[in-house]
Amino acid sequence: MSQFIESIRVEDRKLHLPDLHQQRVKRTFEHFGKENPIDISKIYRDLHHDGEGLFKLRIVYDFEKVLQTQLIPYAISELHSVRLVENNLYDYAFKFADRTTLENMRREAKSDEIIIVKNNRITDTSFSNLLFKKGKTWYTPSTFLLNGVQRQHLLKTKKIKETEITVQNLREFSHFQIINAMNDFDDMFIYPLSIIQNLP
């Protein structure tokens, strides 16, 4: 049976974007014809968490039950090297717990992180969506692998725009940053395109 994962930002005892996480769980259950999705807010309440600061709530589940919950302190890691990696067949429309293919791609690239290129279009890193800066505007690729909750939130609040980004037009952008449930839109972690080691 397939296993899935949700990673949720908990800051000063508050769940971040719980509704979007719950919607993703609900869509996953519905897509596979299952009922009674797990309740993220109830799972968190039952943990009786009272710690201050930034934590990651990690929930592994299948269609029968919650298999594992972890609440661990979180610190954002800085990237020093990134490589473009082509994979035209990989599909990650649902947040599967099995990340073997992603980890293998990153290990073979021998860099801190990878940017996955699918059919010549920029998609995501191995663990996040992407934003690219042109002028004063931030854009996210329309060809994502997983429509992450942070990506949805930033588009909905009109902080970013969506556009097609290809290998050919990548140099039109000056900087990029990574976003996911744990990494918010953050001027502290903006990277120049030059750290992409095999930028064409």
Protein backbone atom coordinates (compact mmCIF):
# COMPACT_ATOMS: atom_id res chain seq x y z
CA MET A 1 0.00 0.00 0.00
CA SER A 2 1.26 3.48 -0.85
CA GLN A 3 2.45 5.70 1.96
CA PHE A 4 2.26 9.50 1.93
CA ILE A 5 3.83 12.27 3.93
CA GLU A 6 2.87 15.73 5.14
CA SER A 7 5.46 18.13 6.53
CA ILE A 8 3.86 21.08 8.30
CA ARG A 9 5.43 24.20 9.75
CA VAL A 10 4.71 24.74 13.46
CA GLU A 11 5.84 28.11 14.76
CA ASP A 12 5.28 29.16 18.37
CA ARG A 13 2.71 26.36 18.77
CA LYS A 14 0.71 27.38 15.69
CA LEU A 15 0.17 25.25 12.58
CA HIS A 16 1.03 27.12 9.37
CA LEU A 17 -1.44 26.82 6.45
CA PRO A 18 -3.31 23.84 7.97
CA ASP A 19 -6.27 24.22 5.59
CA LEU A 20 -4.06 23.81 2.51
CA HIS A 21 -2.38 20.75 4.00
CA GLN A 22 -5.76 19.23 4.84
CA GLN A 23 -7.01 19.92 1.31
CA ARG A 24 -4.01 18.08 -0.12
CA VAL A 25 -4.66 15.06 2.10
CA LYS A 26 -8.33 15.11 1.07
CA ARG A 27 -7.42 15.27 -2.66
CA THR A 28 -5.05 12.35 -2.20
CA PHE A 29 -7.74 10.20 -0.60
CA GLU A 30 -10.31 11.18 -3.22
CA HIS A 31 -7.95 10.52 -6.15
CA PHE A 32 -7.39 6.95 -4.98
CA GLY A 33 -11.08 6.39 -4.22
CA LYS A 34 -10.67 6.37 -0.44
CA GLU A 35 -12.72 7.98 2.32
CA ASN A 36 -12.15 9.40 5.81
CA PRO A 37 -8.88 11.31 5.35
CA ILE A 38 -6.65 11.88 8.35
CA ASP A 39 -7.31 15.03 10.39
CA ILE A 40 -4.11 17.06 10.62
CA SER A 41 -5.35 19.53 13.24
CA LYS A 42 -6.54 16.72 15.53
CA ILE A 43 -3.22 14.90 15.16
CA TYR A 44 -1.39 18.05 16.22
CA ARG A 45 -3.72 18.74 19.17
CA ASP A 46 -3.20 15.20 20.44
CA LEU A 47 0.56 15.78 20.58
CA HIS A 48 0.08 18.45 23.31
CA HIS A 49 2.99 20.47 21.94
CA ASP A 50 4.01 23.47 24.05
CA GLY A 51 7.44 24.37 22.64
CA GLU A 52 8.33 27.83 21.37
CA GLY A 53 10.20 28.37 18.11
CA LEU A 54 10.14 26.61 14.74
CA PHE A 55 9.29 22.92 14.41
CA LYS A 56 8.44 20.49 11.62
CA LEU A 57 5.44 18.25 12.13
CA ARG A 58 6.05 15.17 9.96
CA ILE A 59 3.12 12.82 9.41
CA VAL A 60 3.48 9.55 7.50
CA TYR A 61 0.19 7.88 6.64
CA ASP A 62 -1.56 5.41 4.38
CA PHE A 63 -5.26 4.99 3.66
CA GLU A 64 -5.82 2.97 6.82
CA LYS A 65 -4.09 4.97 9.55
CA VAL A 66 -1.38 7.36 10.63
CA LEU A 67 1.87 5.40 10.66
CA GLN A 68 4.23 7.91 12.24
CA THR A 69 4.25 11.42 13.68
CA GLN A 70 7.35 13.43 14.50
CA LEU A 71 7.67 16.97 15.82
CA ILE A 72 11.26 18.09 15.51
CA PRO A 73 13.08 21.46 15.76
CA TYR A 74 13.82 22.90 12.35
CA ALA A 75 16.54 25.11 10.91
CA ILE A 76 16.75 26.18 7.26
CA SER A 77 19.85 24.85 5.49
CA GLU A 78 21.81 27.08 3.13
CA LEU A 79 22.69 25.85 -0.36
CA HIS A 80 26.15 26.23 -1.89
CA SER A 81 25.85 24.22 -5.09
CA VAL A 82 22.95 23.26 -7.37
CA ARG A 83 22.82 21.27 -10.60
CA LEU A 84 20.17 20.91 -13.31
CA VAL A 85 19.13 17.27 -13.68
CA GLU A 86 17.00 16.05 -16.58
CA ASN A 87 14.29 13.47 -15.96
CA ASN A 88 11.42 13.46 -18.46
CA LEU A 89 9.55 10.54 -16.90
CA TYR A 90 9.42 11.35 -13.20
CA ASP A 91 5.97 12.06 -11.74
CA TYR A 92 5.35 13.37 -8.21
CA ALA A 93 1.78 14.64 -8.36
CA PHE A 94 1.11 13.27 -4.87
CA LYS A 95 3.36 13.56 -1.83
CA PHE A 96 4.55 9.97 -1.63
CA ALA A 97 6.72 9.00 1.32
CA ASP A 98 9.00 7.00 -1.01
CA ARG A 99 11.59 9.53 -2.18
CA THR A 100 14.09 7.00 -3.56
CA THR A 101 14.17 8.42 -7.09
CA LEU A 102 14.61 11.97 -5.83
CA GLU A 103 17.41 10.99 -3.47
CA ASN A 104 19.16 8.99 -6.19
CA MET A 105 19.05 11.95 -8.57
CA ARG A 106 20.53 14.24 -5.95
CA ARG A 107 23.23 11.77 -4.95
CA GLU A 108 24.30 11.24 -8.56
CA ALA A 109 24.44 15.00 -9.15
CA LYS A 110 26.99 15.39 -6.32
CA SER A 111 25.66 18.79 -5.30
CA ASP A 112 23.76 20.24 -2.35
CA GLU A 113 20.56 20.29 -4.37
CA ILE A 114 19.14 19.66 -7.84
CA ILE A 115 16.69 21.44 -10.10
CA ILE A 116 14.69 18.87 -12.03
CA VAL A 117 14.21 19.56 -15.74
CA LYS A 118 11.30 17.77 -17.41
CA ASN A 119 10.77 18.08 -21.17
CA ASN A 120 13.12 21.07 -21.20
CA ARG A 121 11.07 22.90 -18.55
CA ILE A 122 12.13 23.86 -15.06
CA THR A 123 10.07 22.12 -12.36
CA ASP A 124 11.11 21.74 -8.69
CA THR A 125 14.07 20.81 -6.53
CA SER A 126 14.16 17.44 -4.78
CA PHE A 127 12.22 18.86 -1.83
CA SER A 128 10.71 22.21 -2.79
CA ASN A 129 9.08 24.47 -5.32
CA LEU A 130 11.09 27.28 -6.86
CA LEU A 131 10.87 31.03 -7.30
CA PHE A 132 12.90 32.99 -9.86
CA LYS A 133 13.43 36.75 -9.82
CA LYS A 134 13.20 39.02 -12.86
CA GLY A 135 13.47 42.72 -12.07
CA LYS A 136 11.43 43.17 -8.89
CA THR A 137 9.00 40.33 -9.57
CA TRP A 138 9.22 36.74 -8.38
CA TYR A 139 7.91 33.96 -10.64
CA THR A 140 7.26 30.28 -10.06
CA PRO A 141 7.42 27.71 -12.87
CA SER A 142 4.05 26.69 -14.28
CA THR A 143 5.52 23.21 -14.81
CA PHE A 144 5.78 22.13 -11.16
CA LEU A 145 5.98 18.50 -10.09
CA LEU A 146 4.06 19.03 -6.85
CA ASN A 147 1.80 22.02 -6.27
CA GLY A 148 3.06 22.78 -2.79
CA VAL A 149 1.03 24.54 -0.10
CA GLN A 150 3.44 27.48 0.14
CA ARG A 151 3.35 27.90 -3.65
CA GLN A 152 -0.47 27.91 -3.60
CA HIS A 153 -0.52 30.42 -0.73
CA LEU A 154 1.91 32.85 -2.40
CA LEU A 155 -0.01 32.73 -5.68
CA LYS A 156 -3.33 33.24 -3.91
CA THR A 157 -1.97 36.25 -2.00
CA LYS A 158 -0.44 37.60 -5.24
CA LYS A 159 3.08 37.76 -3.85
CA ILE A 160 4.38 35.79 -6.84
CA LYS A 161 3.34 35.11 -10.44
CA GLU A 162 3.34 31.92 -12.49
CA THR A 163 5.15 31.62 -15.82
CA GLU A 164 6.79 29.04 -18.06
CA ILE A 165 10.49 28.75 -17.31
CA THR A 166 12.68 26.70 -19.61
CA VAL A 167 16.35 25.85 -19.81
CA GLN A 168 16.63 28.40 -22.63
CA ASN A 169 15.08 31.37 -20.82
CA LEU A 170 16.51 30.62 -17.38
CA ARG A 171 19.22 33.27 -17.78
CA GLU A 172 16.53 35.95 -18.04
CA PHE A 173 16.22 35.62 -14.26
CA SER A 174 18.81 36.89 -11.79
CA HIS A 175 18.14 34.99 -8.57
CA PHE A 176 16.11 32.12 -7.17
CA GLN A 177 14.85 30.83 -3.85
CA ILE A 178 13.30 27.61 -2.64
CA ILE A 179 9.89 27.43 -1.00
CA ASN A 180 7.99 24.65 0.71
CA ALA A 181 5.90 24.17 3.82
CA MET A 182 8.93 24.89 5.99
CA ASN A 183 10.61 27.54 3.83
CA ASP A 184 8.54 30.69 3.48
CA PHE A 185 9.03 33.54 1.01
CA ASP A 186 12.27 34.81 2.59
CA ASP A 187 14.73 37.49 1.49
CA MET A 188 17.33 35.90 3.77
CA PHE A 189 17.85 32.94 1.44
CA ILE A 190 18.10 34.31 -2.09
CA TYR A 191 20.64 32.65 -4.38
CA PRO A 192 22.27 33.99 -7.55
CA LEU A 193 21.80 31.83 -10.63
CA SER A 194 25.58 31.43 -10.68
CA ILE A 195 25.46 28.71 -8.00
CA ILE A 196 23.81 26.44 -10.62
CA GLN A 197 26.95 24.60 -11.67
CA ASN A 198 25.79 23.49 -15.10
CA LEU A 199 23.78 26.54 -16.11
CA PRO A 200 23.71 26.56 -19.95
